[in-house]
Amino acid sequence: MKTNLSYEFLAYTGQCRTFSNWQQNVIHPFDSFRAVPDSLLKVVCRILGRSPLETMKLRLETIKTWRGLADSLAEANHQIFSNMDSGCALVLKGQTLGSAGEACD
């Protein structure tokens, strides 16, 4: 069985300068994304590195985790709001204040 192979060799005469100029104009990701936080880059790489199904499963698992935490803090949150001034409670309506330290663990 014969295999056809093809090789290309550059003669580094005038083309070397052209290649060098082209190489200097290539935008490197570390240069173009230096203002983006590392955590955001990790999320982008994680999403692009997984299949859509894996990404969806991970997101669903994260939502379930946060929903379970919110449900476990609902009683403490209700007690805080019942002891709060009505004007302050109106401003903080929709916020979960109960034992926020547990959420950070």
C-alpha atoms as a PDB file:
ATOM      1  CA  MET A   1       0.000   0.000   0.000  1.00  0.00           C
ATOM      2  CA  LYS A   2       1.489   3.346  -1.049  1.00  0.00           C
ATOM      3  CA  THR A   3       0.928   6.530   0.886  1.00  0.00           C
ATOM      4  CA  ASN A   4       1.304   9.898  -0.726  1.00  0.00           C
ATOM      5  CA  LEU A   5       3.100  12.314   1.570  1.00  0.00           C
ATOM      6  CA  SER A   6       3.670  15.931   0.840  1.00  0.00           C
ATOM      7  CA  TYR A   7       6.282  18.142   2.487  1.00  0.00           C
ATOM      8  CA  GLU A   8       6.734  21.883   2.237  1.00  0.00           C
ATOM      9  CA  PHE A   9       9.943  23.673   3.100  1.00  0.00           C
ATOM     10  CA  LEU A  10      10.234  27.422   3.397  1.00  0.00           C
ATOM     11  CA  ALA A  11      13.303  29.153   2.167  1.00  0.00           C
ATOM     12  CA  TYR A  12      14.036  31.721   4.846  1.00  0.00           C
ATOM     13  CA  THR A  13      15.146  34.536   2.630  1.00  0.00           C
ATOM     14  CA  GLY A  14      12.547  37.218   1.998  1.00  0.00           C
ATOM     15  CA  GLN A  15       9.763  35.076   3.428  1.00  0.00           C
ATOM     16  CA  CYS A  16      11.390  35.035   6.864  1.00  0.00           C
ATOM     17  CA  ARG A  17      10.787  38.750   7.302  1.00  0.00           C
ATOM     18  CA  THR A  18       7.185  38.368   6.112  1.00  0.00           C
ATOM     19  CA  PHE A  19       6.621  35.483   8.537  1.00  0.00           C
ATOM     20  CA  SER A  20       8.188  37.474  11.369  1.00  0.00           C
ATOM     21  CA  ASN A  21       5.903  40.446  10.669  1.00  0.00           C
ATOM     22  CA  TRP A  22       2.873  38.187  10.502  1.00  0.00           C
ATOM     23  CA  GLN A  23       3.846  36.452  13.771  1.00  0.00           C
ATOM     24  CA  GLN A  24       4.095  39.774  15.602  1.00  0.00           C
ATOM     25  CA  ASN A  25       0.546  40.676  14.535  1.00  0.00           C
ATOM     26  CA  VAL A  26      -1.040  37.497  15.926  1.00  0.00           C
ATOM     27  CA  ILE A  27      -3.140  38.356  18.976  1.00  0.00           C
ATOM     28  CA  HIS A  28      -2.370  36.097  21.917  1.00  0.00           C
ATOM     29  CA  PRO A  29      -5.241  35.263  24.312  1.00  0.00           C
ATOM     30  CA  PHE A  30      -3.249  36.409  27.342  1.00  0.00           C
ATOM     31  CA  ASP A  31      -2.855  39.821  25.725  1.00  0.00           C
ATOM     32  CA  SER A  32      -6.413  40.246  24.488  1.00  0.00           C
ATOM     33  CA  PHE A  33      -8.112  38.954  27.667  1.00  0.00           C
ATOM     34  CA  ARG A  34      -5.816  40.411  30.324  1.00  0.00           C
ATOM     35  CA  ALA A  35      -8.647  42.517  31.799  1.00  0.00           C
ATOM     36  CA  VAL A  36     -10.998  39.516  32.107  1.00  0.00           C
ATOM     37  CA  PRO A  37     -10.958  37.832  35.547  1.00  0.00           C
ATOM     38  CA  ASP A  38      -9.501  34.331  35.687  1.00  0.00           C
ATOM     39  CA  SER A  39     -12.722  32.929  37.121  1.00  0.00           C
ATOM     40  CA  LEU A  40     -14.645  34.097  34.042  1.00  0.00           C
ATOM     41  CA  LEU A  41     -12.056  32.588  31.703  1.00  0.00           C
ATOM     42  CA  LYS A  42     -12.345  29.289  33.586  1.00  0.00           C
ATOM     43  CA  VAL A  43     -16.116  29.308  33.119  1.00  0.00           C
ATOM     44  CA  VAL A  44     -15.774  30.010  29.395  1.00  0.00           C
ATOM     45  CA  CYS A  45     -13.197  27.233  28.999  1.00  0.00           C
ATOM     46  CA  ARG A  46     -15.378  24.859  31.009  1.00  0.00           C
ATOM     47  CA  ILE A  47     -18.408  25.580  28.813  1.00  0.00           C
ATOM     48  CA  LEU A  48     -16.478  25.352  25.550  1.00  0.00           C
ATOM     49  CA  GLY A  49     -14.692  22.176  26.655  1.00  0.00           C
ATOM     50  CA  ARG A  50     -17.836  20.224  27.438  1.00  0.00           C
ATOM     51  CA  SER A  51     -20.675  18.985  25.323  1.00  0.00           C
ATOM     52  CA  PRO A  52     -24.017  20.812  25.522  1.00  0.00           C
ATOM     53  CA  LEU A  53     -25.507  17.886  27.444  1.00  0.00           C
ATOM     54  CA  GLU A  54     -22.721  17.907  30.056  1.00  0.00           C
ATOM     55  CA  THR A  55     -23.055  21.691  30.406  1.00  0.00           C
ATOM     56  CA  MET A  56     -26.811  21.406  30.901  1.00  0.00           C
ATOM     57  CA  LYS A  57     -26.398  18.681  33.547  1.00  0.00           C
ATOM     58  CA  LEU A  58     -23.843  20.762  35.451  1.00  0.00           C
ATOM     59  CA  ARG A  59     -26.086  23.835  35.359  1.00  0.00           C
ATOM     60  CA  LEU A  60     -29.076  21.808  36.538  1.00  0.00           C
ATOM     61  CA  GLU A  61     -27.041  20.362  39.404  1.00  0.00           C
ATOM     62  CA  THR A  62     -25.919  23.864  40.423  1.00  0.00           C
ATOM     63  CA  ILE A  63     -29.504  25.158  40.341  1.00  0.00           C
ATOM     64  CA  LYS A  64     -30.669  22.228  42.489  1.00  0.00           C
ATOM     65  CA  THR A  65     -27.896  22.908  45.013  1.00  0.00           C
ATOM     66  CA  TRP A  66     -28.783  26.594  45.337  1.00  0.00           C
ATOM     67  CA  ARG A  67     -32.521  25.842  45.459  1.00  0.00           C
ATOM     68  CA  GLY A  68     -31.956  23.352  48.288  1.00  0.00           C
ATOM     69  CA  LEU A  69     -29.905  25.915  50.191  1.00  0.00           C
ATOM     70  CA  ALA A  70     -32.615  28.555  49.745  1.00  0.00           C
ATOM     71  CA  ASP A  71     -35.260  26.118  50.972  1.00  0.00           C
ATOM     72  CA  SER A  72     -33.207  25.276  54.056  1.00  0.00           C
ATOM     73  CA  LEU A  73     -32.806  28.983  54.878  1.00  0.00           C
ATOM     74  CA  ALA A  74     -36.488  29.864  54.308  1.00  0.00           C
ATOM     75  CA  GLU A  75     -37.518  29.520  57.971  1.00  0.00           C
ATOM     76  CA  ALA A  76     -34.638  31.664  59.271  1.00  0.00           C
ATOM     77  CA  ASN A  77     -35.369  34.212  56.566  1.00  0.00           C
ATOM     78  CA  HIS A  78     -39.049  34.364  57.588  1.00  0.00           C
ATOM     79  CA  GLN A  79     -38.098  34.988  61.227  1.00  0.00           C
ATOM     80  CA  ILE A  80     -35.752  37.821  60.275  1.00  0.00           C
ATOM     81  CA  PHE A  81     -38.400  39.509  58.131  1.00  0.00           C
ATOM     82  CA  SER A  82     -41.111  39.136  60.796  1.00  0.00           C
ATOM     83  CA  ASN A  83     -38.947  41.020  63.330  1.00  0.00           C
ATOM     84  CA  MET A  84     -37.929  43.711  60.830  1.00  0.00           C
ATOM     85  CA  ASP A  85     -39.399  47.189  60.363  1.00  0.00           C
ATOM     86  CA  SER A  86     -42.000  47.142  57.571  1.00  0.00           C
ATOM     87  CA  GLY A  87     -40.194  49.787  55.479  1.00  0.00           C
ATOM     88  CA  CYS A  88     -36.916  47.916  55.695  1.00  0.00           C
ATOM     89  CA  ALA A  89     -38.661  44.621  54.895  1.00  0.00           C
ATOM     90  CA  LEU A  90     -40.220  46.212  51.818  1.00  0.00           C
ATOM     91  CA  VAL A  91     -36.798  47.300  50.554  1.00  0.00           C
ATOM     92  CA  LEU A  92     -35.238  43.884  51.220  1.00  0.00           C
ATOM     93  CA  LYS A  93     -38.195  41.918  49.833  1.00  0.00           C
ATOM     94  CA  GLY A  94     -36.972  38.974  47.759  1.00  0.00           C
ATOM     95  CA  GLN A  95     -33.594  38.780  49.493  1.00  0.00           C
ATOM     96  CA  THR A  96     -32.456  35.774  51.505  1.00  0.00           C
ATOM     97  CA  LEU A  97     -30.921  37.023  54.738  1.00  0.00           C
ATOM     98  CA  GLY A  98     -31.146  33.947  56.934  1.00  0.00           C
ATOM     99  CA  SER A  99     -27.791  32.520  57.965  1.00  0.00           C
ATOM    100  CA  ALA A 100     -25.857  33.703  54.939  1.00  0.00           C
ATOM    101  CA  GLY A 101     -22.682  32.328  56.543  1.00  0.00           C
ATOM    102  CA  GLU A 102     -23.818  28.788  55.712  1.00  0.00           C
ATOM    103  CA  ALA A 103     -23.980  29.697  52.023  1.00  0.00           C
ATOM    104  CA  CYS A 104     -20.287  30.598  52.068  1.00  0.00           C
ATOM    105  CA  ASP A 105     -19.163  27.272  53.550  1.00  0.00           C
END
